[in-house]
Amino acid sequence: MGYIKAKSVPSLVAGCVCGFIALLLGYRYTWHFAPHAAFILALVLIFLMGRRYLRTRKAMPALLIVVLSVIVAIVQLYIIFFVGLGSDQL
């Protein structure tokens, strides 16, 4: 959306890179490091989009990404600590 609205090439590149990483991790979630990488990606998105929301006070898309990333981070922590890495339960 950043590219469509403001012709922001960095937004396009960042969105494509984050989206590709998320798709790859979702596709290969049985990798031992996938929950950790997904957690780190969620933290990066929380930080970057949280900063953008605090600066602009516009809920879309920054606040939506922050809320969804917090949910992903909580789920990843649950998987890391309670389910176990590489578990067949996933």
PDB file of N, CA and C in Angstrom:
ATOM      1  N   MET A   1       0.821  -1.200   0.000  1.00  0.00           N
ATOM      2  CA  MET A   1       0.000   0.000   0.000  1.00  0.00           C
ATOM      3  C   MET A   1       0.864   1.262   0.000  1.00  0.00           C
ATOM      4  N   GLY A   2       2.019   1.204   0.669  1.00  0.00           N
ATOM      5  CA  GLY A   2       2.890   2.372   0.681  1.00  0.00           C
ATOM      6  C   GLY A   2       3.371   2.732  -0.703  1.00  0.00           C
ATOM      7  N   TYR A   3       3.592   1.722  -1.516  1.00  0.00           N
ATOM      8  CA  TYR A   3       4.028   1.980  -2.882  1.00  0.00           C
ATOM      9  C   TYR A   3       2.884   2.550  -3.716  1.00  0.00           C
ATOM     10  N   ILE A   4       1.689   2.019  -3.532  1.00  0.00           N
ATOM     11  CA  ILE A   4       0.545   2.471  -4.317  1.00  0.00           C
ATOM     12  C   ILE A   4       0.172   3.907  -3.957  1.00  0.00           C
ATOM     13  N   LYS A   5       0.146   4.217  -2.664  1.00  0.00           N
ATOM     14  CA  LYS A   5      -0.272   5.550  -2.236  1.00  0.00           C
ATOM     15  C   LYS A   5       0.805   6.607  -2.459  1.00  0.00           C
ATOM     16  N   ALA A   6       2.040   6.305  -2.073  1.00  0.00           N
ATOM     17  CA  ALA A   6       3.084   7.334  -2.068  1.00  0.00           C
ATOM     18  C   ALA A   6       4.210   7.050  -3.053  1.00  0.00           C
ATOM     19  N   LYS A   7       4.078   6.007  -3.852  1.00  0.00           N
ATOM     20  CA  LYS A   7       5.145   5.616  -4.787  1.00  0.00           C
ATOM     21  C   LYS A   7       6.469   5.392  -4.051  1.00  0.00           C
ATOM     22  N   SER A   8       6.370   4.763  -2.864  1.00  0.00           N
ATOM     23  CA  SER A   8       7.533   4.525  -2.017  1.00  0.00           C
ATOM     24  C   SER A   8       8.160   3.182  -2.362  1.00  0.00           C
ATOM     25  N   VAL A   9       9.303   3.225  -3.046  1.00  0.00           N
ATOM     26  CA  VAL A   9      10.007   1.993  -3.414  1.00  0.00           C
ATOM     27  C   VAL A   9      10.516   1.257  -2.167  1.00  0.00           C
ATOM     28  N   PRO A  10      11.032   1.948  -1.123  1.00  0.00           N
ATOM     29  CA  PRO A  10      11.441   1.220   0.079  1.00  0.00           C
ATOM     30  C   PRO A  10      10.285   0.435   0.718  1.00  0.00           C
ATOM     31  N   SER A  11       9.077   0.979   0.687  1.00  0.00           N
ATOM     32  CA  SER A  11       7.922   0.257   1.221  1.00  0.00           C
ATOM     33  C   SER A  11       7.648  -1.002   0.415  1.00  0.00           C
ATOM     34  N   LEU A  12       7.785  -0.902  -0.884  1.00  0.00           N
ATOM     35  CA  LEU A  12       7.574  -2.055  -1.759  1.00  0.00           C
ATOM     36  C   LEU A  12       8.607  -3.134  -1.484  1.00  0.00           C
ATOM     37  N   VAL A  13       9.869  -2.745  -1.390  1.00  0.00           N
ATOM     38  CA  VAL A  13      10.944  -3.709  -1.148  1.00  0.00           C
ATOM     39  C   VAL A  13      10.784  -4.337   0.234  1.00  0.00           C
ATOM     40  N   ALA A  14      10.540  -3.538   1.252  1.00  0.00           N
ATOM     41  CA  ALA A  14      10.396  -4.062   2.614  1.00  0.00           C
ATOM     42  C   ALA A  14       9.198  -5.002   2.718  1.00  0.00           C
ATOM     43  N   GLY A  15       8.095  -4.639   2.093  1.00  0.00           N
ATOM     44  CA  GLY A  15       6.916  -5.500   2.112  1.00  0.00           C
ATOM     45  C   GLY A  15       7.157  -6.821   1.406  1.00  0.00           C
ATOM     46  N   CYS A  16       7.840  -6.762   0.276  1.00  0.00           N
ATOM     47  CA  CYS A  16       8.147  -8.001  -0.463  1.00  0.00           C
ATOM     48  C   CYS A  16       9.101  -8.893   0.317  1.00  0.00           C
ATOM     49  N   VAL A  17      10.128  -8.308   0.921  1.00  0.00           N
ATOM     50  CA  VAL A  17      11.097  -9.093   1.689  1.00  0.00           C
ATOM     51  C   VAL A  17      10.432  -9.729   2.910  1.00  0.00           C
ATOM     52  N   CYS A  18       9.682  -8.943   3.668  1.00  0.00           N
ATOM     53  CA  CYS A  18       9.004  -9.493   4.857  1.00  0.00           C
ATOM     54  C   CYS A  18       7.970 -10.544   4.462  1.00  0.00           C
ATOM     55  N   GLY A  19       7.245 -10.280   3.396  1.00  0.00           N
ATOM     56  CA  GLY A  19       6.258 -11.247   2.925  1.00  0.00           C
ATOM     57  C   GLY A  19       6.900 -12.546   2.469  1.00  0.00           C
ATOM     58  N   PHE A  20       8.023 -12.447   1.755  1.00  0.00           N
ATOM     59  CA  PHE A  20       8.726 -13.647   1.300  1.00  0.00           C
ATOM     60  C   PHE A  20       9.240 -14.458   2.482  1.00  0.00           C
ATOM     61  N   ILE A  21       9.828 -13.784   3.475  1.00  0.00           N
ATOM     62  CA  ILE A  21      10.324 -14.481   4.668  1.00  0.00           C
ATOM     63  C   ILE A  21       9.172 -15.169   5.394  1.00  0.00           C
ATOM     64  N   ALA A  22       8.054 -14.476   5.557  1.00  0.00           N
ATOM     65  CA  ALA A  22       6.894 -15.063   6.239  1.00  0.00           C
ATOM     66  C   ALA A  22       6.352 -16.268   5.469  1.00  0.00           C
ATOM     67  N   LEU A  23       6.262 -16.157   4.149  1.00  0.00           N
ATOM     68  CA  LEU A  23       5.794 -17.292   3.345  1.00  0.00           C
ATOM     69  C   LEU A  23       6.743 -18.478   3.433  1.00  0.00           C
ATOM     70  N   LEU A  24       8.039 -18.203   3.365  1.00  0.00           N
ATOM     71  CA  LEU A  24       9.028 -19.272   3.456  1.00  0.00           C
ATOM     72  C   LEU A  24       8.963 -19.962   4.809  1.00  0.00           C
ATOM     73  N   LEU A  25       8.858 -19.189   5.867  1.00  0.00           N
ATOM     74  CA  LEU A  25       8.767 -19.778   7.209  1.00  0.00           C
ATOM     75  C   LEU A  25       7.473 -20.564   7.389  1.00  0.00           C
ATOM     76  N   GLY A  26       6.390 -20.077   6.812  1.00  0.00           N
ATOM     77  CA  GLY A  26       5.133 -20.809   6.898  1.00  0.00           C
ATOM     78  C   GLY A  26       5.173 -22.101   6.112  1.00  0.00           C
ATOM     79  N   TYR A  27       5.820 -22.070   4.968  1.00  0.00           N
ATOM     80  CA  TYR A  27       5.919 -23.256   4.115  1.00  0.00           C
ATOM     81  C   TYR A  27       6.819 -24.310   4.744  1.00  0.00           C
ATOM     82  N   ARG A  28       7.898 -23.874   5.370  1.00  0.00           N
ATOM     83  CA  ARG A  28       8.866 -24.791   5.974  1.00  0.00           C
ATOM     84  C   ARG A  28       8.893 -24.636   7.495  1.00  0.00           C
ATOM     85  N   TYR A  29       7.734 -24.685   8.112  1.00  0.00           N
ATOM     86  CA  TYR A  29       7.657 -24.441   9.551  1.00  0.00           C
ATOM     87  C   TYR A  29       8.297 -25.548  10.371  1.00  0.00           C
ATOM     88  N   THR A  30       8.533 -26.696   9.768  1.00  0.00           N
ATOM     89  CA  THR A  30       9.157 -27.790  10.512  1.00  0.00           C
ATOM     90  C   THR A  30      10.650 -27.581  10.706  1.00  0.00           C
ATOM     91  N   TRP A  31      11.240 -26.564  10.062  1.00  0.00           N
ATOM     92  CA  TRP A  31      12.645 -26.259  10.321  1.00  0.00           C
ATOM     93  C   TRP A  31      12.802 -25.917  11.793  1.00  0.00           C
ATOM     94  N   HIS A  32      13.914 -26.319  12.357  1.00  0.00           N
ATOM     95  CA  HIS A  32      14.145 -26.132  13.786  1.00  0.00           C
ATOM     96  C   HIS A  32      14.156 -24.651  14.186  1.00  0.00           C
ATOM     97  N   PHE A  33      14.630 -23.780  13.304  1.00  0.00           N
ATOM     98  CA  PHE A  33      14.766 -22.368  13.649  1.00  0.00           C
ATOM     99  C   PHE A  33      13.560 -21.527  13.224  1.00  0.00           C
ATOM    100  N   ALA A  34      12.570 -22.113  12.587  1.00  0.00           N
ATOM    101  CA  ALA A  34      11.443 -21.344  12.053  1.00  0.00           C
ATOM    102  C   ALA A  34      10.673 -20.555  13.121  1.00  0.00           C
ATOM    103  N   PRO A  35      10.340 -21.137  14.277  1.00  0.00           N
ATOM    104  CA  PRO A  35       9.632 -20.326  15.285  1.00  0.00           C
ATOM    105  C   PRO A  35      10.455 -19.138  15.781  1.00  0.00           C
ATOM    106  N   HIS A  36      11.771 -19.340  15.922  1.00  0.00           N
ATOM    107  CA  HIS A  36      12.627 -18.229  16.346  1.00  0.00           C
ATOM    108  C   HIS A  36      12.664 -17.138  15.283  1.00  0.00           C
ATOM    109  N   ALA A  37      12.804 -17.531  14.032  1.00  0.00           N
ATOM    110  CA  ALA A  37      12.854 -16.551  12.946  1.00  0.00           C
ATOM    111  C   ALA A  37      11.520 -15.811  12.814  1.00  0.00           C
ATOM    112  N   ALA A  38      10.417 -16.521  12.968  1.00  0.00           N
ATOM    113  CA  ALA A  38       9.102 -15.881  12.903  1.00  0.00           C
ATOM    114  C   ALA A  38       8.926 -14.902  14.064  1.00  0.00           C
ATOM    115  N   PHE A  39       9.423 -15.261  15.236  1.00  0.00           N
ATOM    116  CA  PHE A  39       9.358 -14.372  16.395  1.00  0.00           C
ATOM    117  C   PHE A  39      10.181 -13.108  16.155  1.00  0.00           C
ATOM    118  N   ILE A  40      11.372 -13.264  15.600  1.00  0.00           N
ATOM    119  CA  ILE A  40      12.233 -12.111  15.308  1.00  0.00           C
ATOM    120  C   ILE A  40      11.590 -11.220  14.250  1.00  0.00           C
ATOM    121  N   LEU A  41      11.027 -11.823  13.214  1.00  0.00           N
ATOM    122  CA  LEU A  41      10.342 -11.041  12.188  1.00  0.00           C
ATOM    123  C   LEU A  41       9.172 -10.256  12.797  1.00  0.00           C
ATOM    124  N   ALA A  42       8.419 -10.886  13.687  1.00  0.00           N
ATOM    125  CA  ALA A  42       7.305 -10.202  14.350  1.00  0.00           C
ATOM    126  C   ALA A  42       7.808  -9.034  15.196  1.00  0.00           C
ATOM    127  N   LEU A  43       8.925  -9.222  15.905  1.00  0.00           N
ATOM    128  CA  LEU A  43       9.480  -8.130  16.717  1.00  0.00           C
ATOM    129  C   LEU A  43       9.946  -6.968  15.845  1.00  0.00           C
ATOM    130  N   VAL A  44      10.570  -7.275  14.720  1.00  0.00           N
ATOM    131  CA  VAL A  44      11.014  -6.219  13.806  1.00  0.00           C
ATOM    132  C   VAL A  44       9.811  -5.428  13.293  1.00  0.00           C
ATOM    133  N   LEU A  45       8.766  -6.135  12.910  1.00  0.00           N
ATOM    134  CA  LEU A  45       7.566  -5.450  12.412  1.00  0.00           C
ATOM    135  C   LEU A  45       6.891  -4.636  13.513  1.00  0.00           C
ATOM    136  N   ILE A  46       6.853  -5.161  14.734  1.00  0.00           N
ATOM    137  CA  ILE A  46       6.287  -4.416  15.857  1.00  0.00           C
ATOM    138  C   ILE A  46       7.062  -3.121  16.065  1.00  0.00           C
ATOM    139  N   PHE A  47       8.383  -3.217  16.043  1.00  0.00           N
ATOM    140  CA  PHE A  47       9.211  -2.029  16.263  1.00  0.00           C
ATOM    141  C   PHE A  47       9.031  -1.005  15.147  1.00  0.00           C
ATOM    142  N   LEU A  48       9.182  -1.447  13.906  1.00  0.00           N
ATOM    143  CA  LEU A  48       9.120  -0.506  12.778  1.00  0.00           C
ATOM    144  C   LEU A  48       7.737   0.112  12.602  1.00  0.00           C
ATOM    145  N   MET A  49       6.715  -0.717  12.618  1.00  0.00           N
ATOM    146  CA  MET A  49       5.368  -0.196  12.400  1.00  0.00           C
ATOM    147  C   MET A  49       4.844   0.529  13.641  1.00  0.00           C
ATOM    148  N   GLY A  50       5.279   0.122  14.826  1.00  0.00           N
ATOM    149  CA  GLY A  50       4.912   0.837  16.041  1.00  0.00           C
ATOM    150  C   GLY A  50       5.473   2.244  16.045  1.00  0.00           C
ATOM    151  N   ARG A  51       6.722   2.365  15.597  1.00  0.00           N
ATOM    152  CA  ARG A  51       7.331   3.686  15.465  1.00  0.00           C
ATOM    153  C   ARG A  51       6.578   4.544  14.459  1.00  0.00           C
ATOM    154  N   ARG A  52       6.189   3.925  13.345  1.00  0.00           N
ATOM    155  CA  ARG A  52       5.447   4.672  12.322  1.00  0.00           C
ATOM    156  C   ARG A  52       4.086   5.116  12.864  1.00  0.00           C
ATOM    157  N   TYR A  53       3.413   4.226  13.607  1.00  0.00           N
ATOM    158  CA  TYR A  53       2.109   4.597  14.166  1.00  0.00           C
ATOM    159  C   TYR A  53       2.250   5.757  15.164  1.00  0.00           C
ATOM    160  N   LEU A  54       3.259   5.689  16.019  1.00  0.00           N
ATOM    161  CA  LEU A  54       3.448   6.761  16.997  1.00  0.00           C
ATOM    162  C   LEU A  54       3.778   8.093  16.326  1.00  0.00           C
ATOM    163  N   ARG A  55       4.442   8.024  15.173  1.00  0.00           N
ATOM    164  CA  ARG A  55       4.801   9.247  14.453  1.00  0.00           C
ATOM    165  C   ARG A  55       3.608   9.840  13.704  1.00  0.00           C
ATOM    166  N   THR A  56       2.814   8.980  13.050  1.00  0.00           N
ATOM    167  CA  THR A  56       1.736   9.483  12.192  1.00  0.00           C
ATOM    168  C   THR A  56       0.357   9.443  12.831  1.00  0.00           C
ATOM    169  N   ARG A  57       0.161   8.572  13.812  1.00  0.00           N
ATOM    170  CA  ARG A  57      -1.143   8.355  14.456  1.00  0.00           C
ATOM    171  C   ARG A  57      -2.214   7.877  13.471  1.00  0.00           C
ATOM    172  N   LYS A  58      -1.791   7.246  12.390  1.00  0.00           N
ATOM    173  CA  LYS A  58      -2.728   6.657  11.430  1.00  0.00           C
ATOM    174  C   LYS A  58      -2.782   5.160  11.675  1.00  0.00           C
ATOM    175  N   ALA A  59      -3.980   4.651  11.892  1.00  0.00           N
ATOM    176  CA  ALA A  59      -4.132   3.242  12.251  1.00  0.00           C
ATOM    177  C   ALA A  59      -3.852   2.294  11.088  1.00  0.00           C
ATOM    178  N   MET A  60      -4.129   2.739   9.891  1.00  0.00           N
ATOM    179  CA  MET A  60      -3.917   1.853   8.737  1.00  0.00           C
ATOM    180  C   MET A  60      -2.690   2.293   7.971  1.00  0.00           C
ATOM    181  N   PRO A  61      -1.791   1.405   7.699  1.00  0.00           N
ATOM    182  CA  PRO A  61      -1.731  -0.004   8.033  1.00  0.00           C
ATOM    183  C   PRO A  61      -0.903  -0.286   9.278  1.00  0.00           C
ATOM    184  N   ALA A  62      -0.279   0.755   9.868  1.00  0.00           N
ATOM    185  CA  ALA A  62       0.700   0.537  10.925  1.00  0.00           C
ATOM    186  C   ALA A  62       0.121  -0.181  12.140  1.00  0.00           C
ATOM    187  N   LEU A  63      -0.986   0.282  12.676  1.00  0.00           N
ATOM    188  CA  LEU A  63      -1.545  -0.322  13.886  1.00  0.00           C
ATOM    189  C   LEU A  63      -2.030  -1.739  13.622  1.00  0.00           C
ATOM    190  N   LEU A  64      -2.587  -1.980  12.446  1.00  0.00           N
ATOM    191  CA  LEU A  64      -3.018  -3.333  12.084  1.00  0.00           C
ATOM    192  C   LEU A  64      -1.835  -4.290  12.066  1.00  0.00           C
ATOM    193  N   ILE A  65      -0.719  -3.886  11.487  1.00  0.00           N
ATOM    194  CA  ILE A  65       0.475  -4.729  11.436  1.00  0.00           C
ATOM    195  C   ILE A  65       1.021  -4.959  12.841  1.00  0.00           C
ATOM    196  N   VAL A  66       0.988  -3.954  13.689  1.00  0.00           N
ATOM    197  CA  VAL A  66       1.464  -4.109  15.068  1.00  0.00           C
ATOM    198  C   VAL A  66       0.609  -5.132  15.813  1.00  0.00           C
ATOM    199  N   VAL A  67      -0.702  -5.023  15.712  1.00  0.00           N
ATOM    200  CA  VAL A  67      -1.602  -5.948  16.417  1.00  0.00           C
ATOM    201  C   VAL A  67      -1.397  -7.381  15.922  1.00  0.00           C
ATOM    202  N   LEU A  68      -1.345  -7.561  14.609  1.00  0.00           N
ATOM    203  CA  LEU A  68      -1.141  -8.905  14.060  1.00  0.00           C
ATOM    204  C   LEU A  68       0.230  -9.456  14.430  1.00  0.00           C
ATOM    205  N   SER A  69       1.249  -8.613  14.452  1.00  0.00           N
ATOM    206  CA  SER A  69       2.592  -9.066  14.818  1.00  0.00           C
ATOM    207  C   SER A  69       2.683  -9.441  16.289  1.00  0.00           C
ATOM    208  N   VAL A  70       1.959  -8.734  17.143  1.00  0.00           N
ATOM    209  CA  VAL A  70       1.927  -9.105  18.571  1.00  0.00           C
ATOM    210  C   VAL A  70       1.284 -10.482  18.731  1.00  0.00           C
ATOM    211  N   ILE A  71       0.229 -10.742  17.998  1.00  0.00           N
ATOM    212  CA  ILE A  71      -0.415 -12.062  18.056  1.00  0.00           C
ATOM    213  C   ILE A  71       0.553 -13.138  17.587  1.00  0.00           C
ATOM    214  N   VAL A  72       1.246 -12.886  16.484  1.00  0.00           N
ATOM    215  CA  VAL A  72       2.223 -13.863  15.969  1.00  0.00           C
ATOM    216  C   VAL A  72       3.334 -14.084  16.988  1.00  0.00           C
ATOM    217  N   ALA A  73       3.837 -13.025  17.605  1.00  0.00           N
ATOM    218  CA  ALA A  73       4.905 -13.157  18.589  1.00  0.00           C
ATOM    219  C   ALA A  73       4.458 -14.000  19.786  1.00  0.00           C
ATOM    220  N   ILE A  74       3.248 -13.789  20.265  1.00  0.00           N
ATOM    221  CA  ILE A  74       2.734 -14.570  21.399  1.00  0.00           C
ATOM    222  C   ILE A  74       2.604 -16.038  21.021  1.00  0.00           C
ATOM    223  N   VAL A  75       2.094 -16.314  19.840  1.00  0.00           N
ATOM    224  CA  VAL A  75       1.953 -17.703  19.392  1.00  0.00           C
ATOM    225  C   VAL A  75       3.324 -18.357  19.252  1.00  0.00           C
ATOM    226  N   GLN A  76       4.298 -17.642  18.720  1.00  0.00           N
ATOM    227  CA  GLN A  76       5.632 -18.215  18.556  1.00  0.00           C
ATOM    228  C   GLN A  76       6.281 -18.503  19.900  1.00  0.00           C
ATOM    229  N   LEU A  77       6.106 -17.616  20.863  1.00  0.00           N
ATOM    230  CA  LEU A  77       6.631 -17.879  22.206  1.00  0.00           C
ATOM    231  C   LEU A  77       5.973 -19.102  22.827  1.00  0.00           C
ATOM    232  N   TYR A  78       4.681 -19.249  22.633  1.00  0.00           N
ATOM    233  CA  TYR A  78       3.978 -20.428  23.135  1.00  0.00           C
ATOM    234  C   TYR A  78       4.563 -21.692  22.509  1.00  0.00           C
ATOM    235  N   ILE A  79       4.791 -21.667  21.214  1.00  0.00           N
ATOM    236  CA  ILE A  79       5.338 -22.835  20.523  1.00  0.00           C
ATOM    237  C   ILE A  79       6.750 -23.125  20.998  1.00  0.00           C
ATOM    238  N   ILE A  80       7.572 -22.099  21.142  1.00  0.00           N
ATOM    239  CA  ILE A  80       8.957 -22.297  21.557  1.00  0.00           C
ATOM    240  C   ILE A  80       9.027 -22.887  22.960  1.00  0.00           C
ATOM    241  N   PHE A  81       8.222 -22.360  23.880  1.00  0.00           N
ATOM    242  CA  PHE A  81       8.348 -22.765  25.277  1.00  0.00           C
ATOM    243  C   PHE A  81       7.473 -23.946  25.684  1.00  0.00           C
ATOM    244  N   PHE A  82       6.320 -24.144  25.072  1.00  0.00           N
ATOM    245  CA  PHE A  82       5.404 -25.175  25.547  1.00  0.00           C
ATOM    246  C   PHE A  82       5.207 -26.346  24.581  1.00  0.00           C
ATOM    247  N   VAL A  83       5.214 -26.094  23.309  1.00  0.00           N
ATOM    248  CA  VAL A  83       4.978 -27.177  22.351  1.00  0.00           C
ATOM    249  C   VAL A  83       6.276 -27.871  22.003  1.00  0.00           C
ATOM    250  N   GLY A  84       7.316 -27.112  21.799  1.00  0.00           N
ATOM    251  CA  GLY A  84       8.608 -27.664  21.445  1.00  0.00           C
ATOM    252  C   GLY A  84       8.919 -27.484  19.979  1.00  0.00           C
ATOM    253  N   LEU A  85      10.188 -27.334  19.686  1.00  0.00           N
ATOM    254  CA  LEU A  85      10.634 -27.116  18.318  1.00  0.00           C
ATOM    255  C   LEU A  85      10.652 -28.428  17.564  1.00  0.00           C
ATOM    256  N   GLY A  86      10.239 -28.392  16.311  1.00  0.00           N
ATOM    257  CA  GLY A  86      10.245 -29.589  15.482  1.00  0.00           C
ATOM    258  C   GLY A  86       9.242 -30.631  15.936  1.00  0.00           C
ATOM    259  N   SER A  87       8.233 -30.214  16.675  1.00  0.00           N
ATOM    260  CA  SER A  87       7.251 -31.143  17.208  1.00  0.00           C
ATOM    261  C   SER A  87       6.273 -31.584  16.118  1.00  0.00           C
ATOM    262  N   ASP A  88       5.802 -32.815  16.216  1.00  0.00           N
ATOM    263  CA  ASP A  88       4.810 -33.327  15.280  1.00  0.00           C
ATOM    264  C   ASP A  88       3.434 -32.731  15.530  1.00  0.00           C
ATOM    265  N   GLN A  89       3.246 -32.083  16.675  1.00  0.00           N
ATOM    266  CA  GLN A  89       1.965 -31.471  17.000  1.00  0.00           C
ATOM    267  C   GLN A  89       1.671 -30.258  16.132  1.00  0.00           C
ATOM    268  N   LEU A  90       2.692 -29.732  15.483  1.00  0.00           N
ATOM    269  CA  LEU A  90       2.497 -28.559  14.646  1.00  0.00           C
ATOM    270  C   LEU A  90       1.939 -29.025  13.343  1.00  0.00           C
TER     271      LEU A  90
END
